[in-house]
C-alpha atoms as a PDB file:
ATOM      1  CA  MET A   1       7.669 187.534 -30.875  1.00  0.00           C
ATOM      2  CA  ASN A   2       4.165 186.125 -30.384  1.00  0.00           C
ATOM      3  CA  ASP A   3       3.796 184.707 -33.920  1.00  0.00           C
ATOM      4  CA  LYS A   4       2.849 181.140 -33.161  1.00  0.00           C
ATOM      5  CA  HIS A   5       3.680 178.266 -35.456  1.00  0.00           C
ATOM      6  CA  PRO A   6       0.485 176.951 -37.092  1.00  0.00           C
ATOM      7  CA  ASP A   7       0.998 173.556 -35.420  1.00  0.00           C
ATOM      8  CA  GLU A   8       1.671 174.946 -31.941  1.00  0.00           C
ATOM      9  CA  PRO A   9      -1.978 174.709 -30.772  1.00  0.00           C
ATOM     10  CA  ARG A  10      -2.032 171.097 -32.001  1.00  0.00           C
ATOM     11  CA  LEU A  11       1.150 170.415 -30.010  1.00  0.00           C
ATOM     12  CA  TYR A  12      -0.387 171.762 -26.802  1.00  0.00           C
ATOM     13  CA  ALA A  13      -3.610 169.861 -27.449  1.00  0.00           C
ATOM     14  CA  ARG A  14      -1.631 166.631 -27.851  1.00  0.00           C
ATOM     15  CA  LEU A  15       0.319 167.281 -24.627  1.00  0.00           C
ATOM     16  CA  ASP A  16      -2.983 167.942 -22.838  1.00  0.00           C
ATOM     17  CA  GLU A  17      -4.540 164.794 -24.331  1.00  0.00           C
ATOM     18  CA  LEU A  18      -1.594 162.750 -23.038  1.00  0.00           C
ATOM     19  CA  GLY A  19      -1.820 164.342 -19.585  1.00  0.00           C
ATOM     20  CA  ILE A  20       1.647 165.866 -19.937  1.00  0.00           C
ATOM     21  CA  PRO A  21       2.116 169.042 -17.878  1.00  0.00           C
ATOM     22  CA  TYR A  22       4.036 171.780 -19.695  1.00  0.00           C
ATOM     23  CA  HIS A  23       4.856 175.456 -19.421  1.00  0.00           C
ATOM     24  CA  THR A  24       5.843 177.809 -22.246  1.00  0.00           C
ATOM     25  CA  GLU A  25       7.957 180.956 -21.898  1.00  0.00           C
ATOM     26  CA  GLU A  26       8.140 183.589 -24.626  1.00  0.00           C
ATOM     27  CA  HIS A  27      11.580 185.049 -25.462  1.00  0.00           C
ATOM     28  CA  GLU A  28      13.553 186.669 -28.256  1.00  0.00           C
ATOM     29  CA  ALA A  29      14.436 184.567 -31.300  1.00  0.00           C
ATOM     30  CA  VAL A  30      17.260 182.086 -30.737  1.00  0.00           C
ATOM     31  CA  PHE A  31      19.048 180.357 -33.601  1.00  0.00           C
ATOM     32  CA  THR A  32      22.017 178.748 -31.808  1.00  0.00           C
ATOM     33  CA  VAL A  33      22.822 177.326 -28.388  1.00  0.00           C
ATOM     34  CA  GLU A  34      25.182 180.248 -27.796  1.00  0.00           C
ATOM     35  CA  GLU A  35      22.488 182.836 -28.561  1.00  0.00           C
ATOM     36  CA  GLY A  36      20.275 181.306 -25.898  1.00  0.00           C
ATOM     37  CA  LEU A  37      22.691 181.486 -22.974  1.00  0.00           C
ATOM     38  CA  ASP A  38      20.920 184.409 -21.268  1.00  0.00           C
ATOM     39  CA  ILE A  39      17.553 182.677 -21.695  1.00  0.00           C
ATOM     40  CA  LYS A  40      18.925 179.504 -20.152  1.00  0.00           C
ATOM     41  CA  ALA A  41      20.063 181.484 -17.132  1.00  0.00           C
ATOM     42  CA  ARG A  42      16.435 182.579 -16.595  1.00  0.00           C
ATOM     43  CA  LEU A  43      14.837 179.177 -17.172  1.00  0.00           C
ATOM     44  CA  PRO A  44      16.121 176.480 -14.813  1.00  0.00           C
ATOM     45  CA  GLY A  45      16.479 172.961 -16.140  1.00  0.00           C
ATOM     46  CA  GLY A  46      18.093 171.275 -19.094  1.00  0.00           C
ATOM     47  CA  HIS A  47      18.065 173.032 -22.450  1.00  0.00           C
ATOM     48  CA  SER A  48      18.107 171.143 -25.701  1.00  0.00           C
ATOM     49  CA  LYS A  49      19.789 171.339 -29.038  1.00  0.00           C
ATOM     50  CA  ASN A  50      18.245 169.535 -31.949  1.00  0.00           C
ATOM     51  CA  LEU A  51      19.815 168.425 -35.212  1.00  0.00           C
ATOM     52  CA  PHE A  52      18.002 167.271 -38.340  1.00  0.00           C
ATOM     53  CA  LEU A  53      20.304 164.903 -40.210  1.00  0.00           C
ATOM     54  CA  LYS A  54      20.289 162.688 -43.263  1.00  0.00           C
ATOM     55  CA  ASP A  55      22.479 159.712 -43.959  1.00  0.00           C
ATOM     56  CA  LYS A  56      24.002 158.738 -47.307  1.00  0.00           C
ATOM     57  CA  ALA A  57      21.185 156.219 -47.846  1.00  0.00           C
ATOM     58  CA  GLY A  58      18.495 158.893 -47.463  1.00  0.00           C
ATOM     59  CA  GLN A  59      17.332 158.069 -43.919  1.00  0.00           C
ATOM     60  CA  PHE A  60      16.431 161.105 -41.810  1.00  0.00           C
ATOM     61  CA  VAL A  61      17.436 161.359 -38.154  1.00  0.00           C
ATOM     62  CA  LEU A  62      16.440 163.862 -35.484  1.00  0.00           C
ATOM     63  CA  ILE A  63      18.943 164.179 -32.645  1.00  0.00           C
ATOM     64  CA  SER A  64      17.760 165.850 -29.463  1.00  0.00           C
ATOM     65  CA  ALA A  65      20.514 166.436 -26.923  1.00  0.00           C
ATOM     66  CA  LEU A  66      21.347 168.471 -23.891  1.00  0.00           C
ATOM     67  CA  GLY A  67      22.673 171.796 -25.165  1.00  0.00           C
ATOM     68  CA  SER A  68      26.097 171.234 -23.602  1.00  0.00           C
ATOM     69  CA  THR A  69      26.558 167.751 -25.075  1.00  0.00           C
ATOM     70  CA  PRO A  70      29.186 167.547 -27.819  1.00  0.00           C
ATOM     71  CA  ILE A  71      27.963 165.671 -30.878  1.00  0.00           C
ATOM     72  CA  LYS A  72      30.433 164.152 -33.326  1.00  0.00           C
ATOM     73  CA  LEU A  73      28.603 163.294 -36.530  1.00  0.00           C
ATOM     74  CA  ASN A  74      31.598 161.337 -37.818  1.00  0.00           C
ATOM     75  CA  ARG A  75      31.179 158.879 -34.915  1.00  0.00           C
ATOM     76  CA  LEU A  76      27.440 158.921 -34.399  1.00  0.00           C
ATOM     77  CA  HIS A  77      26.402 156.981 -37.492  1.00  0.00           C
ATOM     78  CA  ALA A  78      28.199 153.831 -36.324  1.00  0.00           C
ATOM     79  CA  HIS A  79      26.262 153.846 -33.044  1.00  0.00           C
ATOM     80  CA  ILE A  80      22.820 154.319 -34.582  1.00  0.00           C
ATOM     81  CA  GLY A  81      23.220 151.959 -37.521  1.00  0.00           C
ATOM     82  CA  THR A  82      23.157 154.479 -40.350  1.00  0.00           C
ATOM     83  CA  LYS A  83      25.513 155.524 -43.118  1.00  0.00           C
ATOM     84  CA  ARG A  84      27.569 158.705 -42.644  1.00  0.00           C
ATOM     85  CA  LEU A  85      25.460 161.638 -41.493  1.00  0.00           C
ATOM     86  CA  SER A  86      25.221 165.221 -42.702  1.00  0.00           C
ATOM     87  CA  PHE A  87      22.751 168.016 -42.051  1.00  0.00           C
ATOM     88  CA  GLY A  88      19.383 167.611 -43.747  1.00  0.00           C
ATOM     89  CA  LYS A  89      18.282 170.198 -46.287  1.00  0.00           C
ATOM     90  CA  GLU A  90      15.746 172.874 -45.390  1.00  0.00           C
ATOM     91  CA  ASP A  91      13.076 171.579 -47.764  1.00  0.00           C
ATOM     92  CA  ALA A  92      13.326 168.060 -46.299  1.00  0.00           C
ATOM     93  CA  LEU A  93      13.160 169.504 -42.776  1.00  0.00           C
ATOM     94  CA  PHE A  94       9.947 171.310 -43.623  1.00  0.00           C
ATOM     95  CA  THR A  95       8.482 168.333 -45.498  1.00  0.00           C
ATOM     96  CA  HIS A  96       9.116 165.836 -42.690  1.00  0.00           C
ATOM     97  CA  LEU A  97       8.907 167.944 -39.525  1.00  0.00           C
ATOM     98  CA  GLY A  98       7.066 171.103 -40.575  1.00  0.00           C
ATOM     99  CA  VAL A  99       9.652 173.530 -39.174  1.00  0.00           C
ATOM    100  CA  ARG A 100      12.399 175.770 -40.516  1.00  0.00           C
ATOM    101  CA  PRO A 101      16.077 175.935 -39.501  1.00  0.00           C
ATOM    102  CA  GLY A 102      16.452 177.539 -36.081  1.00  0.00           C
ATOM    103  CA  SER A 103      13.198 175.998 -34.885  1.00  0.00           C
ATOM    104  CA  VAL A 104      14.120 172.312 -35.021  1.00  0.00           C
ATOM    105  CA  THR A 105      12.641 170.596 -31.982  1.00  0.00           C
ATOM    106  CA  VAL A 106      11.760 167.168 -30.695  1.00  0.00           C
ATOM    107  CA  PHE A 107       8.149 168.390 -30.633  1.00  0.00           C
ATOM    108  CA  SER A 108       8.187 168.552 -34.441  1.00  0.00           C
ATOM    109  CA  ILE A 109       7.827 164.754 -34.592  1.00  0.00           C
ATOM    110  CA  LEU A 110       4.157 165.683 -34.243  1.00  0.00           C
ATOM    111  CA  ASN A 111       4.330 166.324 -38.004  1.00  0.00           C
ATOM    112  CA  ASP A 112       6.178 163.097 -38.807  1.00  0.00           C
ATOM    113  CA  THR A 113       2.917 161.187 -39.088  1.00  0.00           C
ATOM    114  CA  ASP A 114       4.518 158.138 -40.753  1.00  0.00           C
ATOM    115  CA  ALA A 115       7.364 158.026 -38.183  1.00  0.00           C
ATOM    116  CA  THR A 116       9.903 158.081 -41.015  1.00  0.00           C
ATOM    117  CA  VAL A 117      12.368 160.279 -39.109  1.00  0.00           C
ATOM    118  CA  ARG A 118      14.461 158.289 -36.662  1.00  0.00           C
ATOM    119  CA  LEU A 119      14.552 159.867 -33.199  1.00  0.00           C
ATOM    120  CA  VAL A 120      17.747 159.740 -31.127  1.00  0.00           C
ATOM    121  CA  LEU A 121      17.716 161.194 -27.612  1.00  0.00           C
ATOM    122  CA  ASP A 122      20.701 162.101 -25.473  1.00  0.00           C
ATOM    123  CA  ALA A 123      20.725 160.164 -22.182  1.00  0.00           C
ATOM    124  CA  ALA A 124      21.800 163.403 -20.453  1.00  0.00           C
ATOM    125  CA  LEU A 125      18.300 164.800 -21.032  1.00  0.00           C
ATOM    126  CA  PHE A 126      16.979 162.213 -18.582  1.00  0.00           C
ATOM    127  CA  LEU A 127      19.277 163.427 -15.806  1.00  0.00           C
ATOM    128  CA  GLN A 128      17.422 166.757 -15.682  1.00  0.00           C
ATOM    129  CA  ASP A 129      14.404 167.629 -13.542  1.00  0.00           C
ATOM    130  CA  VAL A 130      12.832 169.380 -16.530  1.00  0.00           C
ATOM    131  CA  ILE A 131      13.902 169.962 -20.123  1.00  0.00           C
ATOM    132  CA  TRP A 132      13.131 172.818 -22.505  1.00  0.00           C
ATOM    133  CA  PHE A 133      12.382 172.596 -26.227  1.00  0.00           C
ATOM    134  CA  HIS A 134      11.127 175.099 -28.776  1.00  0.00           C
ATOM    135  CA  PRO A 135       7.384 174.675 -29.436  1.00  0.00           C
ATOM    136  CA  MET A 136       7.947 174.643 -33.245  1.00  0.00           C
ATOM    137  CA  ARG A 137       9.284 178.228 -33.194  1.00  0.00           C
ATOM    138  CA  ASN A 138      12.454 179.756 -31.808  1.00  0.00           C
ATOM    139  CA  THR A 139      10.718 182.619 -29.965  1.00  0.00           C
ATOM    140  CA  ALA A 140       9.552 180.462 -27.078  1.00  0.00           C
ATOM    141  CA  SER A 141      10.620 177.457 -25.020  1.00  0.00           C
ATOM    142  CA  THR A 142       8.366 174.779 -23.553  1.00  0.00           C
ATOM    143  CA  ARG A 143       9.234 172.823 -20.417  1.00  0.00           C
ATOM    144  CA  ILE A 144       8.330 169.185 -19.810  1.00  0.00           C
ATOM    145  CA  LYS A 145       9.667 166.367 -17.636  1.00  0.00           C
ATOM    146  CA  PRO A 146      12.061 163.903 -19.272  1.00  0.00           C
ATOM    147  CA  ASP A 147       9.829 160.866 -18.764  1.00  0.00           C
ATOM    148  CA  ASP A 148       6.988 162.766 -20.432  1.00  0.00           C
ATOM    149  CA  LEU A 149       9.191 163.190 -23.495  1.00  0.00           C
ATOM    150  CA  LEU A 150       9.132 159.422 -23.899  1.00  0.00           C
ATOM    151  CA  VAL A 151       5.355 159.327 -23.440  1.00  0.00           C
ATOM    152  CA  PHE A 152       4.999 161.995 -26.152  1.00  0.00           C
ATOM    153  CA  ALA A 153       7.363 160.281 -28.606  1.00  0.00           C
ATOM    154  CA  ARG A 154       5.857 156.834 -28.166  1.00  0.00           C
ATOM    155  CA  ALA A 155       2.307 158.162 -28.515  1.00  0.00           C
ATOM    156  CA  LEU A 156       3.351 159.474 -31.935  1.00  0.00           C
ATOM    157  CA  GLY A 157       4.735 156.120 -33.060  1.00  0.00           C
ATOM    158  CA  HIS A 158       8.385 156.860 -32.341  1.00  0.00           C
ATOM    159  CA  ASP A 159      10.502 154.507 -30.256  1.00  0.00           C
ATOM    160  CA  PRO A 160      13.529 156.695 -29.593  1.00  0.00           C
ATOM    161  CA  LEU A 161      17.049 155.390 -29.360  1.00  0.00           C
ATOM    162  CA  ILE A 162      18.583 156.757 -26.148  1.00  0.00           C
ATOM    163  CA  LEU A 163      22.374 157.141 -26.216  1.00  0.00           C
ATOM    164  CA  ASP A 164      24.969 158.738 -23.978  1.00  0.00           C
ATOM    165  CA  LEU A 165      26.155 161.108 -26.694  1.00  0.00           C
ATOM    166  CA  ALA A 166      28.902 162.594 -24.488  1.00  0.00           C
ATOM    167  CA  GLU A 167      30.340 159.103 -23.985  1.00  0.00           C
ATOM    168  CA  LEU A 168      30.623 158.698 -27.755  1.00  0.00           C
ATOM    169  CA  THR A 169      33.054 161.622 -27.875  1.00  0.00           C
ATOM    170  CA  ALA A 170      35.002 160.746 -24.735  1.00  0.00           C
ATOM    171  CA  GLY A 171      38.733 160.899 -25.276  1.00  0.00           C
ATOM    172  CA  ASP A 172      38.608 163.758 -27.782  1.00  0.00           C
END
């Protein structure tokens, strides 16, 4: 449970360098939103789900949303200006973000040094007092404030697109 991702110390160093307060809690491995329900009950705040996607033209997209937000891939592409989206392959995930399935996190943009992965954030994340993300591994969760997420992303060369993802599926 304490096996840290090799880039985790670099993540914390970057948060410190940016003056972003954070707190990390260790827990059992979580691979899906449903598996993490008991953890969420113990850790107040918003909890994220993160999707690594690829469009038909080869553009990679990282979606970070509130765990309860429904995401309709068949509608999303039209709102973010991409071709139809599908899940990115494991080797591309590791190449671009340095993580494996089950550990996808907004923090992994730390490894996207060329900012080639497009970052899309759910507006619902910004309605929370704090939000939790995996620190590059699914055996811990790290808490930050929503505005600090923007500071982090922009410091890494990402200008995230913020969308109300729930609104995109309204009427379903």
